[in-house]
Amino acid sequence: MPKILVIEDTENNRIIISRRLKAMKHEVHLCEDAEQGIVAAQELQPHLILMDIGLPGMDGWAATRALRTNPATATIPIIALTAHAMAGDREKAIDAGCNDYETKPIDFPSLFAKIDALTGGQPPATALGVPPA
């Protein structure tokens, strides 16, 4: 069962995402802001992070870059969740270090396919006891 960390500031979005992920038998952990999410990612070593981009304080772009520079979290797949659907936003997400991108409102079948593709049911290397690079 993949462990997923959801970093999302909007309560209704956290509830909806959490319920849908749990229905798909994922273990779900929730954080309301980037700072909490970075700490949780280090402690939990999730199989995947769903990162809201429009977070208060530190935004999702900065949080993703911070996770990518930390050897303990650098290999955890990250999917950007954003209401930004402008030309170039997907590339901006990839450039920040996200593995994929999903716009809001969330197309859950699409999101679940991306989660499955990125987790493959396998934990991240750091959770397997492989020392970080």
N, C-alpha and C. Protein backbone atom coordinates (compact mmCIF):
# COMPACT_ATOMS: atom_id res chain seq x y z
N MET A 1 0.85 -1.17 0.00
CA MET A 1 0.00 0.00 0.00
C MET A 1 0.89 1.23 0.00
N PRO A 2 0.90 1.99 -1.09
CA PRO A 2 1.74 3.20 -1.13
C PRO A 2 1.33 4.23 -0.08
N LYS A 3 2.35 4.80 0.53
CA LYS A 3 2.18 5.87 1.52
C LYS A 3 2.29 7.20 0.78
N ILE A 4 1.24 8.02 0.87
CA ILE A 4 1.21 9.28 0.13
C ILE A 4 1.09 10.44 1.10
N LEU A 5 1.96 11.42 0.92
CA LEU A 5 1.92 12.66 1.69
C LEU A 5 1.24 13.72 0.83
N VAL A 6 0.16 14.30 1.37
CA VAL A 6 -0.58 15.35 0.67
C VAL A 6 -0.27 16.67 1.36
N ILE A 7 0.32 17.60 0.62
CA ILE A 7 0.62 18.93 1.14
C ILE A 7 -0.34 19.89 0.44
N GLU A 8 -1.37 20.31 1.19
CA GLU A 8 -2.48 21.08 0.61
C GLU A 8 -3.05 21.98 1.70
N ASP A 9 -3.19 23.27 1.41
CA ASP A 9 -3.66 24.21 2.43
C ASP A 9 -5.17 24.31 2.54
N THR A 10 -5.92 23.91 1.53
CA THR A 10 -7.37 24.04 1.56
C THR A 10 -7.99 22.78 2.17
N GLU A 11 -8.72 23.00 3.28
CA GLU A 11 -9.28 21.86 4.02
C GLU A 11 -10.17 20.97 3.16
N ASN A 12 -11.07 21.57 2.39
CA ASN A 12 -11.96 20.76 1.55
C ASN A 12 -11.17 19.90 0.56
N ASN A 13 -10.12 20.45 -0.01
CA ASN A 13 -9.29 19.67 -0.93
C ASN A 13 -8.60 18.52 -0.20
N ARG A 14 -8.10 18.79 1.02
CA ARG A 14 -7.46 17.72 1.80
C ARG A 14 -8.45 16.59 2.07
N ILE A 15 -9.68 16.95 2.43
CA ILE A 15 -10.70 15.94 2.73
C ILE A 15 -11.03 15.11 1.49
N ILE A 16 -11.28 15.78 0.38
CA ILE A 16 -11.65 15.08 -0.86
C ILE A 16 -10.51 14.18 -1.33
N ILE A 17 -9.30 14.73 -1.37
CA ILE A 17 -8.14 13.94 -1.84
C ILE A 17 -7.91 12.76 -0.92
N SER A 18 -7.95 13.00 0.38
CA SER A 18 -7.71 11.94 1.35
C SER A 18 -8.72 10.81 1.21
N ARG A 19 -9.99 11.16 1.11
CA ARG A 19 -11.04 10.14 0.98
C ARG A 19 -10.85 9.31 -0.29
N ARG A 20 -10.55 9.98 -1.38
CA ARG A 20 -10.37 9.25 -2.65
C ARG A 20 -9.15 8.34 -2.60
N LEU A 21 -8.05 8.82 -2.01
CA LEU A 21 -6.84 8.00 -1.90
C LEU A 21 -7.06 6.81 -0.97
N LYS A 22 -7.72 7.05 0.15
CA LYS A 22 -7.99 5.96 1.09
C LYS A 22 -8.90 4.91 0.46
N ALA A 23 -9.85 5.35 -0.35
CA ALA A 23 -10.73 4.40 -1.04
C ALA A 23 -9.94 3.51 -2.00
N MET A 24 -8.80 4.03 -2.48
CA MET A 24 -7.93 3.26 -3.36
C MET A 24 -6.87 2.49 -2.57
N LYS A 25 -7.05 2.44 -1.24
CA LYS A 25 -6.19 1.68 -0.32
C LYS A 25 -4.79 2.26 -0.15
N HIS A 26 -4.68 3.59 -0.29
CA HIS A 26 -3.41 4.25 -0.02
C HIS A 26 -3.37 4.69 1.44
N GLU A 27 -2.20 4.66 2.02
CA GLU A 27 -2.00 5.26 3.35
C GLU A 27 -1.76 6.74 3.12
N VAL A 28 -2.54 7.59 3.79
CA VAL A 28 -2.51 9.02 3.51
C VAL A 28 -2.08 9.81 4.75
N HIS A 29 -1.17 10.76 4.53
CA HIS A 29 -0.73 11.70 5.56
C HIS A 29 -0.95 13.10 5.02
N LEU A 30 -1.46 13.99 5.87
CA LEU A 30 -1.83 15.33 5.42
C LEU A 30 -1.02 16.41 6.13
N CYS A 31 -0.64 17.44 5.37
CA CYS A 31 0.02 18.63 5.91
C CYS A 31 -0.64 19.85 5.29
N GLU A 32 -0.72 20.93 6.08
CA GLU A 32 -1.39 22.15 5.63
C GLU A 32 -0.46 23.16 4.98
N ASP A 33 0.85 23.03 5.18
CA ASP A 33 1.76 24.01 4.59
C ASP A 33 3.08 23.34 4.22
N ALA A 34 3.88 24.08 3.50
CA ALA A 34 5.14 23.55 2.98
C ALA A 34 6.12 23.16 4.09
N GLU A 35 6.22 23.99 5.10
CA GLU A 35 7.17 23.72 6.18
C GLU A 35 6.84 22.40 6.88
N GLN A 36 5.54 22.20 7.20
CA GLN A 36 5.11 20.92 7.80
C GLN A 36 5.39 19.77 6.84
N GLY A 37 5.12 20.00 5.58
CA GLY A 37 5.30 18.96 4.57
C GLY A 37 6.74 18.52 4.42
N ILE A 38 7.66 19.45 4.46
CA ILE A 38 9.09 19.12 4.33
C ILE A 38 9.52 18.25 5.51
N VAL A 39 9.11 18.63 6.71
CA VAL A 39 9.45 17.84 7.91
C VAL A 39 8.82 16.45 7.82
N ALA A 40 7.53 16.40 7.44
CA ALA A 40 6.83 15.13 7.33
C ALA A 40 7.48 14.22 6.28
N ALA A 41 7.90 14.78 5.17
CA ALA A 41 8.55 13.99 4.13
C ALA A 41 9.82 13.34 4.65
N GLN A 42 10.60 14.08 5.42
CA GLN A 42 11.83 13.53 5.99
C GLN A 42 11.52 12.40 6.97
N GLU A 43 10.51 12.60 7.81
CA GLU A 43 10.18 11.62 8.84
C GLU A 43 9.45 10.40 8.28
N LEU A 44 8.49 10.62 7.40
CA LEU A 44 7.64 9.53 6.90
C LEU A 44 8.24 8.75 5.75
N GLN A 45 9.10 9.38 4.96
CA GLN A 45 9.62 8.76 3.74
C GLN A 45 8.49 8.18 2.90
N PRO A 46 7.54 9.03 2.47
CA PRO A 46 6.41 8.52 1.69
C PRO A 46 6.86 8.00 0.33
N HIS A 47 5.98 7.20 -0.27
CA HIS A 47 6.26 6.69 -1.61
C HIS A 47 6.05 7.79 -2.65
N LEU A 48 5.23 8.81 -2.29
CA LEU A 48 4.91 9.86 -3.23
C LEU A 48 4.36 11.07 -2.47
N ILE A 49 4.59 12.26 -3.02
CA ILE A 49 4.07 13.50 -2.45
C ILE A 49 3.16 14.17 -3.47
N LEU A 50 1.97 14.56 -3.02
CA LEU A 50 1.09 15.41 -3.82
C LEU A 50 1.27 16.82 -3.28
N MET A 51 1.82 17.71 -4.08
CA MET A 51 2.23 19.04 -3.66
C MET A 51 1.36 20.13 -4.27
N ASP A 52 0.56 20.78 -3.41
CA ASP A 52 -0.18 21.96 -3.87
C ASP A 52 0.86 23.05 -4.17
N ILE A 53 0.69 23.76 -5.24
CA ILE A 53 1.64 24.81 -5.60
C ILE A 53 1.29 26.13 -4.94
N GLY A 54 0.01 26.44 -4.79
CA GLY A 54 -0.42 27.72 -4.23
C GLY A 54 -0.53 27.68 -2.71
N LEU A 55 0.56 27.37 -2.04
CA LEU A 55 0.57 27.32 -0.57
C LEU A 55 0.90 28.69 0.01
N PRO A 56 0.37 28.99 1.19
CA PRO A 56 0.74 30.25 1.86
C PRO A 56 2.18 30.17 2.37
N GLY A 57 2.83 31.29 2.49
CA GLY A 57 4.23 31.28 2.94
C GLY A 57 5.10 30.70 1.84
N MET A 58 5.81 29.64 2.15
CA MET A 58 6.63 28.96 1.15
C MET A 58 5.70 28.26 0.16
N ASP A 59 5.81 28.59 -1.12
CA ASP A 59 4.93 27.96 -2.11
C ASP A 59 5.44 26.56 -2.48
N GLY A 60 4.63 25.86 -3.26
CA GLY A 60 4.98 24.49 -3.63
C GLY A 60 6.21 24.38 -4.50
N TRP A 61 6.50 25.42 -5.30
CA TRP A 61 7.73 25.39 -6.12
C TRP A 61 8.95 25.37 -5.20
N ALA A 62 8.97 26.28 -4.21
CA ALA A 62 10.10 26.37 -3.28
C ALA A 62 10.20 25.11 -2.42
N ALA A 63 9.06 24.58 -1.99
CA ALA A 63 9.07 23.36 -1.19
C ALA A 63 9.63 22.18 -1.99
N THR A 64 9.25 22.09 -3.25
CA THR A 64 9.76 21.02 -4.10
C THR A 64 11.27 21.14 -4.27
N ARG A 65 11.74 22.36 -4.52
CA ARG A 65 13.19 22.56 -4.65
C ARG A 65 13.92 22.18 -3.36
N ALA A 66 13.33 22.52 -2.20
CA ALA A 66 13.94 22.17 -0.91
C ALA A 66 13.99 20.65 -0.74
N LEU A 67 12.93 19.96 -1.11
CA LEU A 67 12.92 18.50 -1.00
C LEU A 67 13.96 17.87 -1.93
N ARG A 68 14.12 18.45 -3.10
CA ARG A 68 15.08 17.90 -4.07
C ARG A 68 16.54 18.11 -3.64
N THR A 69 16.81 19.12 -2.83
CA THR A 69 18.19 19.36 -2.40
C THR A 69 18.56 18.59 -1.14
N ASN A 70 17.59 17.95 -0.51
CA ASN A 70 17.84 17.18 0.70
C ASN A 70 18.02 15.71 0.30
N PRO A 71 19.18 15.12 0.59
CA PRO A 71 19.40 13.72 0.19
C PRO A 71 18.35 12.75 0.75
N ALA A 72 17.75 13.08 1.89
CA ALA A 72 16.76 12.19 2.49
C ALA A 72 15.43 12.19 1.74
N THR A 73 15.18 13.22 0.94
CA THR A 73 13.90 13.33 0.24
C THR A 73 14.05 13.52 -1.27
N ALA A 74 15.26 13.56 -1.76
CA ALA A 74 15.53 13.91 -3.15
C ALA A 74 14.91 12.95 -4.17
N THR A 75 14.72 11.70 -3.80
CA THR A 75 14.22 10.72 -4.77
C THR A 75 12.73 10.44 -4.65
N ILE A 76 12.04 11.08 -3.71
CA ILE A 76 10.60 10.84 -3.54
C ILE A 76 9.86 11.49 -4.71
N PRO A 77 9.05 10.73 -5.44
CA PRO A 77 8.30 11.33 -6.55
C PRO A 77 7.31 12.38 -6.03
N ILE A 78 7.18 13.46 -6.80
CA ILE A 78 6.29 14.56 -6.45
C ILE A 78 5.39 14.88 -7.64
N ILE A 79 4.08 14.95 -7.36
CA ILE A 79 3.13 15.41 -8.37
C ILE A 79 2.60 16.76 -7.92
N ALA A 80 2.76 17.77 -8.77
CA ALA A 80 2.24 19.10 -8.49
C ALA A 80 0.73 19.09 -8.67
N LEU A 81 0.02 19.66 -7.70
CA LEU A 81 -1.42 19.86 -7.80
C LEU A 81 -1.65 21.36 -7.85
N THR A 82 -2.24 21.84 -8.92
CA THR A 82 -2.35 23.28 -9.06
C THR A 82 -3.56 23.70 -9.88
N ALA A 83 -4.07 24.85 -9.55
CA ALA A 83 -5.12 25.47 -10.35
C ALA A 83 -4.50 26.21 -11.54
N HIS A 84 -3.17 26.32 -11.55
CA HIS A 84 -2.47 26.98 -12.66
C HIS A 84 -2.52 26.07 -13.88
N ALA A 85 -3.14 26.53 -14.92
CA ALA A 85 -3.24 25.73 -16.14
C ALA A 85 -2.84 26.55 -17.35
N MET A 86 -1.92 27.46 -17.13
CA MET A 86 -1.44 28.31 -18.21
C MET A 86 -0.34 27.60 -18.99
N ALA A 87 -0.13 28.04 -20.21
CA ALA A 87 0.96 27.50 -21.02
C ALA A 87 2.27 27.68 -20.26
N GLY A 88 3.04 26.64 -20.19
CA GLY A 88 4.33 26.70 -19.52
C GLY A 88 4.31 26.27 -18.06
N ASP A 89 3.13 26.13 -17.46
CA ASP A 89 3.07 25.75 -16.05
C ASP A 89 3.56 24.31 -15.82
N ARG A 90 3.23 23.41 -16.73
CA ARG A 90 3.72 22.02 -16.60
C ARG A 90 5.24 22.01 -16.62
N GLU A 91 5.83 22.76 -17.55
CA GLU A 91 7.29 22.82 -17.64
C GLU A 91 7.89 23.44 -16.39
N LYS A 92 7.22 24.45 -15.84
CA LYS A 92 7.69 25.07 -14.60
C LYS A 92 7.70 24.06 -13.46
N ALA A 93 6.67 23.21 -13.40
CA ALA A 93 6.61 22.18 -12.37
C ALA A 93 7.75 21.18 -12.52
N ILE A 94 7.99 20.76 -13.74
CA ILE A 94 9.08 19.80 -13.99
C ILE A 94 10.43 20.45 -13.67
N ASP A 95 10.61 21.70 -14.07
CA ASP A 95 11.86 22.41 -13.78
C ASP A 95 12.10 22.57 -12.29
N ALA A 96 11.02 22.70 -11.50
CA ALA A 96 11.16 22.84 -10.05
C ALA A 96 11.52 21.51 -9.40
N GLY A 97 11.32 20.40 -10.12
CA GLY A 97 11.67 19.09 -9.58
C GLY A 97 10.50 18.14 -9.44
N CYS A 98 9.31 18.55 -9.89
CA CYS A 98 8.15 17.65 -9.84
C CYS A 98 8.29 16.59 -10.93
N ASN A 99 7.78 15.41 -10.63
CA ASN A 99 7.81 14.33 -11.61
C ASN A 99 6.63 14.40 -12.57
N ASP A 100 5.54 15.01 -12.09
CA ASP A 100 4.35 15.13 -12.92
C ASP A 100 3.51 16.29 -12.41
N TYR A 101 2.36 16.50 -13.05
CA TYR A 101 1.57 17.71 -12.86
C TYR A 101 0.11 17.36 -13.07
N GLU A 102 -0.75 17.81 -12.17
CA GLU A 102 -2.19 17.59 -12.30
C GLU A 102 -2.90 18.88 -11.95
N THR A 103 -3.81 19.32 -12.83
CA THR A 103 -4.52 20.56 -12.57
C THR A 103 -5.77 20.31 -11.72
N LYS A 104 -6.21 21.37 -11.06
CA LYS A 104 -7.45 21.36 -10.30
C LYS A 104 -8.52 22.02 -11.16
N PRO A 105 -9.76 21.56 -11.11
CA PRO A 105 -10.21 20.44 -10.29
C PRO A 105 -9.56 19.15 -10.76
N ILE A 106 -9.31 18.29 -9.80
CA ILE A 106 -8.54 17.08 -10.07
C ILE A 106 -9.36 16.06 -10.84
N ASP A 107 -8.75 15.53 -11.88
CA ASP A 107 -9.30 14.41 -12.64
C ASP A 107 -8.72 13.16 -11.95
N PHE A 108 -9.50 12.55 -11.04
CA PHE A 108 -8.96 11.48 -10.21
C PHE A 108 -8.49 10.26 -10.99
N PRO A 109 -9.18 9.80 -12.03
CA PRO A 109 -8.61 8.68 -12.80
C PRO A 109 -7.22 9.02 -13.37
N SER A 110 -7.06 10.24 -13.84
CA SER A 110 -5.76 10.67 -14.35
C SER A 110 -4.73 10.70 -13.23
N LEU A 111 -5.11 11.27 -12.08
CA LEU A 111 -4.19 11.33 -10.94
C LEU A 111 -3.80 9.93 -10.49
N PHE A 112 -4.77 9.02 -10.36
CA PHE A 112 -4.46 7.65 -9.92
C PHE A 112 -3.52 6.95 -10.89
N ALA A 113 -3.68 7.19 -12.18
CA ALA A 113 -2.77 6.60 -13.17
C ALA A 113 -1.36 7.14 -12.98
N LYS A 114 -1.23 8.42 -12.69
CA LYS A 114 0.09 9.01 -12.47
C LYS A 114 0.72 8.47 -11.19
N ILE A 115 -0.10 8.33 -10.14
CA ILE A 115 0.41 7.77 -8.88
C ILE A 115 0.90 6.36 -9.11
N ASP A 116 0.11 5.53 -9.79
CA ASP A 116 0.52 4.15 -10.06
C ASP A 116 1.80 4.10 -10.88
N ALA A 117 1.90 4.97 -11.88
CA ALA A 117 3.09 4.99 -12.73
C ALA A 117 4.33 5.37 -11.93
N LEU A 118 4.18 6.31 -10.99
CA LEU A 118 5.34 6.77 -10.24
C LEU A 118 5.70 5.89 -9.04
N THR A 119 4.74 5.19 -8.48
CA THR A 119 5.05 4.34 -7.32
C THR A 119 5.29 2.90 -7.73
N GLY A 120 4.55 2.42 -8.69
CA GLY A 120 4.71 1.02 -9.10
C GLY A 120 4.57 0.07 -7.92
N GLY A 121 3.99 0.57 -6.82
CA GLY A 121 3.86 -0.25 -5.63
C GLY A 121 5.15 -0.41 -4.85
N GLN A 122 6.19 0.30 -5.26
CA GLN A 122 7.50 0.16 -4.64
C GLN A 122 7.82 1.36 -3.76
N PRO A 123 8.41 1.12 -2.58
CA PRO A 123 8.83 2.24 -1.73
C PRO A 123 10.05 2.94 -2.33
N PRO A 124 10.29 4.20 -1.90
CA PRO A 124 11.47 4.91 -2.40
C PRO A 124 12.75 4.23 -1.93
N ALA A 125 13.84 4.47 -2.62
CA ALA A 125 15.11 3.84 -2.31
C ALA A 125 15.52 4.04 -0.85
N THR A 126 15.29 5.24 -0.30
CA THR A 126 15.69 5.50 1.08
C THR A 126 14.92 4.63 2.05
N ALA A 127 13.68 4.27 1.75
CA ALA A 127 12.90 3.41 2.62
C ALA A 127 13.34 1.96 2.53
N LEU A 128 14.07 1.62 1.48
CA LEU A 128 14.58 0.25 1.31
C LEU A 128 15.93 0.06 1.98
N GLY A 129 16.42 1.08 2.66
CA GLY A 129 17.71 0.97 3.31
C GLY A 129 18.87 1.34 2.41
N VAL A 130 18.58 1.83 1.22
CA VAL A 130 19.64 2.27 0.31
C VAL A 130 20.06 3.66 0.76
N PRO A 131 21.35 3.85 1.09
CA PRO A 131 21.75 5.17 1.56
C PRO A 131 21.53 6.24 0.50
N PRO A 132 21.10 7.44 0.94
CA PRO A 132 20.92 8.52 -0.04
C PRO A 132 22.23 8.90 -0.70
N ALA A 133 22.13 9.36 -1.94
CA ALA A 133 23.34 9.76 -2.69
C ALA A 133 23.97 10.99 -2.10
